[in-house]
C-alpha atoms as a PDB file:
ATOM      1  CA  MET A   1      61.070  82.616  71.510  1.00  0.00           C
ATOM      2  CA  SER A   2      63.526  80.797  73.745  1.00  0.00           C
ATOM      3  CA  ILE A   3      64.748  81.768  77.233  1.00  0.00           C
ATOM      4  CA  LEU A   4      68.344  80.926  78.035  1.00  0.00           C
ATOM      5  CA  THR A   5      69.800  81.072  81.522  1.00  0.00           C
ATOM      6  CA  VAL A   6      73.549  81.898  81.662  1.00  0.00           C
ATOM      7  CA  ASN A   7      75.770  81.813  84.743  1.00  0.00           C
ATOM      8  CA  ASP A   8      78.883  83.474  83.347  1.00  0.00           C
ATOM      9  CA  ALA A   9      80.047  85.869  80.667  1.00  0.00           C
ATOM     10  CA  VAL A  10      79.419  83.882  77.434  1.00  0.00           C
ATOM     11  CA  PRO A  11      78.895  84.357  73.700  1.00  0.00           C
ATOM     12  CA  VAL A  12      75.364  83.642  72.432  1.00  0.00           C
ATOM     13  CA  GLN A  13      74.501  82.687  68.854  1.00  0.00           C
ATOM     14  CA  ALA A  14      71.325  81.491  67.105  1.00  0.00           C
ATOM     15  CA  VAL A  15      71.791  78.545  64.716  1.00  0.00           C
ATOM     16  CA  SER A  16      69.272  77.094  62.238  1.00  0.00           C
ATOM     17  CA  ARG A  17      69.669  73.499  60.993  1.00  0.00           C
ATOM     18  CA  HIS A  18      67.149  71.425  59.057  1.00  0.00           C
ATOM     19  CA  ASP A  19      67.031  67.826  57.856  1.00  0.00           C
ATOM     20  CA  LYS A  20      65.465  68.741  54.536  1.00  0.00           C
ATOM     21  CA  PRO A  21      68.116  69.077  51.803  1.00  0.00           C
ATOM     22  CA  HIS A  22      66.510  72.148  50.256  1.00  0.00           C
ATOM     23  CA  VAL A  23      66.626  74.157  53.551  1.00  0.00           C
ATOM     24  CA  LEU A  24      69.923  75.984  54.021  1.00  0.00           C
ATOM     25  CA  TYR A  25      71.879  76.138  57.256  1.00  0.00           C
ATOM     26  CA  GLY A  26      71.892  79.620  58.945  1.00  0.00           C
ATOM     27  CA  GLU A  27      73.454  81.305  61.962  1.00  0.00           C
ATOM     28  CA  SER A  28      73.306  84.764  63.547  1.00  0.00           C
ATOM     29  CA  PRO A  29      76.267  86.873  64.550  1.00  0.00           C
ATOM     30  CA  SER A  30      77.761  85.925  67.892  1.00  0.00           C
ATOM     31  CA  ILE A  31      76.782  88.249  70.694  1.00  0.00           C
ATOM     32  CA  GLN A  32      78.923  88.501  73.853  1.00  0.00           C
ATOM     33  CA  ILE A  33      76.774  88.442  76.980  1.00  0.00           C
ATOM     34  CA  GLY A  34      78.540  90.118  79.923  1.00  0.00           C
ATOM     35  CA  VAL A  35      77.760  90.023  83.613  1.00  0.00           C
ATOM     36  CA  ARG A  36      77.044  92.858  86.004  1.00  0.00           C
ATOM     37  CA  GLN A  37      79.364  92.239  88.970  1.00  0.00           C
ATOM     38  CA  VAL A  38      78.466  93.196  92.505  1.00  0.00           C
ATOM     39  CA  ALA A  39      80.727  96.106  93.487  1.00  0.00           C
ATOM     40  CA  THR A  40      82.997  95.394  96.424  1.00  0.00           C
ATOM     41  CA  ARG A  41      85.525  97.499  98.334  1.00  0.00           C
ATOM     42  CA  TRP A  42      88.125  97.284 101.092  1.00  0.00           C
ATOM     43  CA  THR A  43      88.386  99.944 103.766  1.00  0.00           C
ATOM     44  CA  VAL A  44      91.653  99.847 105.677  1.00  0.00           C
ATOM     45  CA  GLN A  45      91.273 100.950 109.307  1.00  0.00           C
ATOM     46  CA  ALA A  46      94.876 100.352 110.372  1.00  0.00           C
ATOM     47  CA  PRO A  47      97.423 101.448 109.601  1.00  0.00           C
ATOM     48  CA  ALA A  48      95.450 104.297 108.082  1.00  0.00           C
ATOM     49  CA  GLU A  49      98.348 106.786 108.333  1.00  0.00           C
ATOM     50  CA  ALA A  50     102.051 106.472 107.653  1.00  0.00           C
ATOM     51  CA  ARG A  51     103.992 105.355 110.700  1.00  0.00           C
ATOM     52  CA  THR A  52     107.541 104.398 111.746  1.00  0.00           C
ATOM     53  CA  VAL A  53     108.418 101.317 113.784  1.00  0.00           C
ATOM     54  CA  ASP A  54     111.490  99.520 115.037  1.00  0.00           C
ATOM     55  CA  LEU A  55     112.577  96.257 113.458  1.00  0.00           C
ATOM     56  CA  GLY A  56     110.764  93.430 115.219  1.00  0.00           C
ATOM     57  CA  GLN A  57     107.837  95.575 116.331  1.00  0.00           C
ATOM     58  CA  GLN A  58     104.433  94.164 115.487  1.00  0.00           C
ATOM     59  CA  VAL A  59     102.019  96.250 113.469  1.00  0.00           C
ATOM     60  CA  ALA A  60      98.231  95.705 113.635  1.00  0.00           C
ATOM     61  CA  PHE A  61      96.494  95.451 110.246  1.00  0.00           C
ATOM     62  CA  THR A  62      92.670  95.812 110.152  1.00  0.00           C
ATOM     63  CA  ALA A  63      90.436  96.131 107.053  1.00  0.00           C
ATOM     64  CA  THR A  64      86.772  95.581 106.257  1.00  0.00           C
ATOM     65  CA  LEU A  65      85.340  94.112 103.031  1.00  0.00           C
ATOM     66  CA  GLU A  66      81.961  95.537 101.912  1.00  0.00           C
ATOM     67  CA  ARG A  67      79.558  94.990  99.043  1.00  0.00           C
ATOM     68  CA  GLU A  68      77.226  97.456  97.449  1.00  0.00           C
ATOM     69  CA  THR A  69      73.510  96.842  98.110  1.00  0.00           C
ATOM     70  CA  PRO A  70      70.324  98.829  97.363  1.00  0.00           C
ATOM     71  CA  GLN A  71      70.585 100.095 100.944  1.00  0.00           C
ATOM     72  CA  GLY A  72      74.216 101.111 100.604  1.00  0.00           C
ATOM     73  CA  TRP A  73      77.519  99.515 101.513  1.00  0.00           C
ATOM     74  CA  ALA A  74      77.285  96.464 103.830  1.00  0.00           C
ATOM     75  CA  PRO A  75      79.769  94.000 105.324  1.00  0.00           C
ATOM     76  CA  PHE A  76      80.545  91.086 102.932  1.00  0.00           C
ATOM     77  CA  GLU A  77      80.679  87.705 104.610  1.00  0.00           C
ATOM     78  CA  GLY A  78      82.225  84.457 103.343  1.00  0.00           C
ATOM     79  CA  GLN A  79      84.792  85.936 100.948  1.00  0.00           C
ATOM     80  CA  SER A  80      88.324  84.470 100.735  1.00  0.00           C
ATOM     81  CA  GLY A  81      91.626  86.212 100.192  1.00  0.00           C
ATOM     82  CA  GLY A  82      95.015  86.957 101.614  1.00  0.00           C
ATOM     83  CA  VAL A  83      97.235  89.736 103.007  1.00  0.00           C
ATOM     84  CA  LEU A  84     100.836  90.417 102.005  1.00  0.00           C
ATOM     85  CA  PHE A  85     103.346  92.945 103.227  1.00  0.00           C
ATOM     86  CA  GLU A  86     104.843  94.458 100.071  1.00  0.00           C
ATOM     87  CA  PRO A  87     108.229  96.166 100.357  1.00  0.00           C
ATOM     88  CA  SER A  88     108.856  99.586  98.913  1.00  0.00           C
ATOM     89  CA  THR A  89     112.207  98.514  97.470  1.00  0.00           C
ATOM     90  CA  VAL A  90     111.802  97.261  93.906  1.00  0.00           C
ATOM     91  CA  GLY A  91     112.780  93.611  93.526  1.00  0.00           C
ATOM     92  CA  SER A  92     112.417  92.750  97.215  1.00  0.00           C
ATOM     93  CA  GLN A  93     110.270  89.794  98.127  1.00  0.00           C
ATOM     94  CA  SER A  94     106.811  90.216  99.673  1.00  0.00           C
ATOM     95  CA  GLU A  95     106.075  88.765 103.087  1.00  0.00           C
ATOM     96  CA  THR A  96     103.021  86.538 103.578  1.00  0.00           C
ATOM     97  CA  VAL A  97     100.937  87.855 106.436  1.00  0.00           C
ATOM     98  CA  GLY A  98      97.942  85.453 106.292  1.00  0.00           C
ATOM     99  CA  HIS A  99      94.862  84.096 104.539  1.00  0.00           C
ATOM    100  CA  PHE A 100      91.271  84.627 105.563  1.00  0.00           C
ATOM    101  CA  THR A 101      87.553  84.104 104.958  1.00  0.00           C
ATOM    102  CA  THR A 102      85.527  87.105 106.042  1.00  0.00           C
ATOM    103  CA  GLY A 103      83.010  86.707 108.864  1.00  0.00           C
ATOM    104  CA  GLU A 104      79.713  88.367 109.479  1.00  0.00           C
ATOM    105  CA  ASP A 105      81.270  91.798 109.957  1.00  0.00           C
ATOM    106  CA  GLY A 106      83.500  91.536 106.882  1.00  0.00           C
ATOM    107  CA  LYS A 107      86.494  92.420 108.993  1.00  0.00           C
ATOM    108  CA  VAL A 108      90.059  91.069 108.656  1.00  0.00           C
ATOM    109  CA  THR A 109      92.699  91.512 111.412  1.00  0.00           C
ATOM    110  CA  PHE A 110      96.331  90.427 111.545  1.00  0.00           C
ATOM    111  CA  ALA A 111      99.458  91.322 113.548  1.00  0.00           C
ATOM    112  CA  HIS A 112     102.737  91.322 111.640  1.00  0.00           C
ATOM    113  CA  ALA A 113     106.300  92.423 112.350  1.00  0.00           C
ATOM    114  CA  PRO A 114     107.726  93.617 108.977  1.00  0.00           C
ATOM    115  CA  TRP A 115     111.461  93.431 108.412  1.00  0.00           C
ATOM    116  CA  GLN A 116     111.534  96.148 105.744  1.00  0.00           C
ATOM    117  CA  THR A 117     109.700  99.305 104.782  1.00  0.00           C
ATOM    118  CA  GLY A 118     106.504  98.871 102.800  1.00  0.00           C
ATOM    119  CA  SER A 119     102.721  98.517 103.106  1.00  0.00           C
ATOM    120  CA  PHE A 120     100.071  95.852 103.619  1.00  0.00           C
ATOM    121  CA  HIS A 121      98.199  94.639 100.561  1.00  0.00           C
ATOM    122  CA  VAL A 122      94.825  92.902 101.044  1.00  0.00           C
ATOM    123  CA  ALA A 123      92.965  91.199  98.245  1.00  0.00           C
ATOM    124  CA  SER A 124      89.776  89.130  97.994  1.00  0.00           C
ATOM    125  CA  HIS A 125      88.722  86.829  95.205  1.00  0.00           C
ATOM    126  CA  SER A 126      85.691  84.752  94.292  1.00  0.00           C
ATOM    127  CA  ASP A 127      84.951  81.929  91.880  1.00  0.00           C
ATOM    128  CA  ASP A 128      81.554  83.501  91.382  1.00  0.00           C
ATOM    129  CA  PRO A 129      81.820  85.659  88.178  1.00  0.00           C
ATOM    130  CA  PHE A 130      79.106  87.937  89.512  1.00  0.00           C
ATOM    131  CA  ILE A 131      81.300  89.108  92.420  1.00  0.00           C
ATOM    132  CA  ALA A 132      84.147  91.534  91.644  1.00  0.00           C
ATOM    133  CA  SER A 133      87.574  90.823  93.048  1.00  0.00           C
ATOM    134  CA  VAL A 134      89.109  93.841  94.839  1.00  0.00           C
ATOM    135  CA  SER A 135      92.298  94.834  96.650  1.00  0.00           C
ATOM    136  CA  ALA A 136      93.668  97.757  98.677  1.00  0.00           C
ATOM    137  CA  ASN A 137      96.886  98.920 100.284  1.00  0.00           C
ATOM    138  CA  SER A 138      97.486 100.331 103.735  1.00  0.00           C
ATOM    139  CA  ALA A 139      99.498 103.397 104.554  1.00  0.00           C
ATOM    140  CA  ARG A 140     103.288 103.066 104.429  1.00  0.00           C
ATOM    141  CA  VAL A 141     105.083 101.499 107.356  1.00  0.00           C
ATOM    142  CA  THR A 142     108.710 102.592 107.690  1.00  0.00           C
ATOM    143  CA  VAL A 143     110.897 100.019 109.479  1.00  0.00           C
ATOM    144  CA  LEU A 144     114.097 101.306 111.147  1.00  0.00           C
ATOM    145  CA  ARG A 145     116.974  99.293 112.581  1.00  0.00           C
ATOM    146  CA  ALA A 146     118.720 100.161 115.826  1.00  0.00           C
ATOM    147  CA  SER A 147     122.034 101.935 116.078  1.00  0.00           C
ATOM    148  CA  VAL A 148     123.902 102.682 119.347  1.00  0.00           C
ATOM    149  CA  PHE A 149     127.198 104.145 120.556  1.00  0.00           C
ATOM    150  CA  THR A 150     128.917 101.684 122.824  1.00  0.00           C
ATOM    151  CA  SER A 151     131.728 104.057 123.815  1.00  0.00           C
ATOM    152  CA  PHE A 152     132.946 107.612 123.368  1.00  0.00           C
ATOM    153  CA  SER A 153     135.874 109.528 124.927  1.00  0.00           C
ATOM    154  CA  ALA A 154     137.638 112.871 124.407  1.00  0.00           C
ATOM    155  CA  THR A 155     141.248 113.482 125.587  1.00  0.00           C
ATOM    156  CA  ARG A 156     143.085 116.792 125.606  1.00  0.00           C
ATOM    157  CA  THR A 157     146.379 116.686 123.675  1.00  0.00           C
ATOM    158  CA  GLN A 158     149.632 118.613 124.344  1.00  0.00           C
ATOM    159  CA  ASP A 159     149.056 120.907 121.337  1.00  0.00           C
ATOM    160  CA  ARG A 160     145.757 122.204 122.783  1.00  0.00           C
ATOM    161  CA  GLY A 161     143.733 119.909 120.577  1.00  0.00           C
ATOM    162  CA  VAL A 162     141.358 117.075 121.457  1.00  0.00           C
ATOM    163  CA  HIS A 163     141.524 113.411 120.405  1.00  0.00           C
ATOM    164  CA  VAL A 164     138.139 111.674 120.289  1.00  0.00           C
ATOM    165  CA  GLU A 165     137.390 108.001 119.760  1.00  0.00           C
ATOM    166  CA  GLY A 166     134.539 105.629 120.198  1.00  0.00           C
ATOM    167  CA  ALA A 167     132.619 102.735 118.775  1.00  0.00           C
ATOM    168  CA  MET A 168     129.127 101.911 117.409  1.00  0.00           C
ATOM    169  CA  ASP A 169     127.000  98.817 117.273  1.00  0.00           C
ATOM    170  CA  PHE A 170     124.049  97.840 115.071  1.00  0.00           C
ATOM    171  CA  PRO A 171     122.340  95.128 117.153  1.00  0.00           C
ATOM    172  CA  ASP A 172     119.700  94.122 114.662  1.00  0.00           C
ATOM    173  CA  GLY A 173     122.332  92.436 112.431  1.00  0.00           C
ATOM    174  CA  TRP A 174     122.307  94.948 109.532  1.00  0.00           C
ATOM    175  CA  THR A 175     124.970  97.609 108.983  1.00  0.00           C
ATOM    176  CA  PRO A 176     124.889 100.767 106.840  1.00  0.00           C
ATOM    177  CA  GLY A 177     127.091 100.777 103.808  1.00  0.00           C
ATOM    178  CA  THR A 178     128.945 103.727 105.253  1.00  0.00           C
ATOM    179  CA  ILE A 179     128.781 104.998 108.817  1.00  0.00           C
ATOM    180  CA  PRO A 180     129.393 108.773 109.041  1.00  0.00           C
ATOM    181  CA  VAL A 181     129.898 109.991 112.589  1.00  0.00           C
ATOM    182  CA  HIS A 182     129.563 113.694 113.353  1.00  0.00           C
ATOM    183  CA  ILE A 183     131.732 114.972 116.188  1.00  0.00           C
ATOM    184  CA  GLN A 184     129.909 117.829 117.924  1.00  0.00           C
ATOM    185  CA  TYR A 185     131.002 120.530 120.395  1.00  0.00           C
ATOM    186  CA  SER A 186     129.103 122.644 122.954  1.00  0.00           C
ATOM    187  CA  ARG A 187     130.325 125.201 125.491  1.00  0.00           C
ATOM    188  CA  ASN A 188     127.371 124.575 127.787  1.00  0.00           C
ATOM    189  CA  GLY A 189     126.169 121.133 126.821  1.00  0.00           C
ATOM    190  CA  LYS A 190     122.967 122.491 125.222  1.00  0.00           C
ATOM    191  CA  GLN A 191     123.676 124.089 121.826  1.00  0.00           C
ATOM    192  CA  TRP A 192     125.735 121.812 119.597  1.00  0.00           C
ATOM    193  CA  THR A 193     127.984 122.535 116.580  1.00  0.00           C
ATOM    194  CA  ASP A 194     129.396 120.003 114.172  1.00  0.00           C
ATOM    195  CA  LEU A 195     133.205 120.128 114.202  1.00  0.00           C
ATOM    196  CA  LEU A 196     133.978 117.392 111.698  1.00  0.00           C
ATOM    197  CA  THR A 197     132.711 114.128 110.255  1.00  0.00           C
ATOM    198  CA  THR A 198     134.621 110.900 110.442  1.00  0.00           C
ATOM    199  CA  GLU A 199     133.695 107.350 109.477  1.00  0.00           C
ATOM    200  CA  ALA A 200     133.270 104.313 111.692  1.00  0.00           C
ATOM    201  CA  ILE A 201     134.833 101.167 110.253  1.00  0.00           C
ATOM    202  CA  TRP A 202     134.836  97.531 111.321  1.00  0.00           C
ATOM    203  CA  SER A 203     137.598  96.879 113.869  1.00  0.00           C
ATOM    204  CA  GLY A 204     136.990  93.176 114.446  1.00  0.00           C
ATOM    205  CA  SER A 205     134.790  93.653 117.510  1.00  0.00           C
ATOM    206  CA  GLY A 206     132.795  96.694 116.559  1.00  0.00           C
ATOM    207  CA  HIS A 207     132.631  99.761 114.322  1.00  0.00           C
ATOM    208  CA  ALA A 208     135.296 102.103 115.635  1.00  0.00           C
ATOM    209  CA  PHE A 209     136.080 105.737 114.838  1.00  0.00           C
ATOM    210  CA  SER A 210     138.610 108.386 115.942  1.00  0.00           C
ATOM    211  CA  ALA A 211     139.586 111.925 115.047  1.00  0.00           C
ATOM    212  CA  ASP A 212     141.910 114.720 116.121  1.00  0.00           C
ATOM    213  CA  ILE A 213     140.488 118.219 116.601  1.00  0.00           C
ATOM    214  CA  PRO A 214     143.030 121.036 116.696  1.00  0.00           C
ATOM    215  CA  ASP A 215     142.834 124.197 118.873  1.00  0.00           C
ATOM    216  CA  THR A 216     139.689 123.295 120.750  1.00  0.00           C
ATOM    217  CA  LYS A 217     138.276 125.381 123.630  1.00  0.00           C
ATOM    218  CA  ASN A 218     137.043 123.885 126.862  1.00  0.00           C
ATOM    219  CA  GLY A 219     133.548 122.457 126.696  1.00  0.00           C
ATOM    220  CA  TYR A 220     131.620 119.315 125.950  1.00  0.00           C
ATOM    221  CA  PHE A 221     131.932 116.775 123.133  1.00  0.00           C
ATOM    222  CA  ARG A 222     129.690 114.027 121.742  1.00  0.00           C
ATOM    223  CA  ALA A 223     129.293 111.867 118.597  1.00  0.00           C
ATOM    224  CA  HIS A 224     126.133 111.729 116.565  1.00  0.00           C
ATOM    225  CA  PHE A 225     124.898 109.383 113.823  1.00  0.00           C
ATOM    226  CA  GLU A 226     122.047 110.777 111.749  1.00  0.00           C
ATOM    227  CA  ALA A 227     119.010 108.710 110.903  1.00  0.00           C
ATOM    228  CA  THR A 228     118.804 107.109 107.422  1.00  0.00           C
ATOM    229  CA  GLU A 229     115.973 105.494 105.553  1.00  0.00           C
ATOM    230  CA  SER A 230     116.762 102.243 107.355  1.00  0.00           C
ATOM    231  CA  PHE A 231     118.481 103.118 110.635  1.00  0.00           C
ATOM    232  CA  ARG A 232     117.579 105.084 113.763  1.00  0.00           C
ATOM    233  CA  ALA A 233     119.691 108.069 114.765  1.00  0.00           C
ATOM    234  CA  ALA A 234     122.049 107.661 117.707  1.00  0.00           C
ATOM    235  CA  THR A 235     123.940 110.025 119.988  1.00  0.00           C
ATOM    236  CA  SER A 236     126.830 109.123 122.318  1.00  0.00           C
ATOM    237  CA  GLU A 237     127.142 110.217 125.923  1.00  0.00           C
ATOM    238  CA  THR A 238     128.329 113.766 126.495  1.00  0.00           C
ATOM    239  CA  VAL A 239     131.887 114.107 127.860  1.00  0.00           C
ATOM    240  CA  LYS A 240     134.392 116.779 128.805  1.00  0.00           C
ATOM    241  CA  ALA A 241     137.875 116.499 127.409  1.00  0.00           C
ATOM    242  CA  SER A 242     140.127 114.866 130.030  1.00  0.00           C
ATOM    243  CA  HIS A 243     143.791 115.722 130.396  1.00  0.00           C
END
């Protein structure tokens, strides 16, 4: 009987060779020897729940790597890996957050300001075949860009209507494909009703809009831009129609 020490998943085969010409060569079937890997797991502490942030806002990412032991799960020290921020949009490029080697507590912490909606992806790997590689994703982080009204006015016309006009700005450098602006009316400045929707278009110095509202009663007016998947909502100042 022979004892063979293996340090990886390998095939094992017994072979018989003899120098005497009347002794035939023989070999056994090849047997694949596997390895029992140590179970590992990532637990993401933050962000553990979906959240929404502004573009440029840093998000704290914290996760702990553990290994299974006879006493239960325990922090796993000395394991290498990396953290990416993976976008939700198919085809978009992932952002590198950082690389790490876990310390005594198995914890990994980074701060990152994502520029698009997505989630953190943490992965550890080892050259040791007896240690399982493992990865995990954080909760979704929605990134919204700013939108603001830079001006808004309402002027009473001679035919008892109201002419409104204004402008919007998107200071983070991105602009929606279309910019619907809802013109709203209120008698008391508290309950608002949509009167019409117009579109803001590039004017050379901003995104301008205007509209004429016929037969309008006295009251208050404002413009509103609804939030999208990528942009914050915005509301203009409230004004009374001037004569």
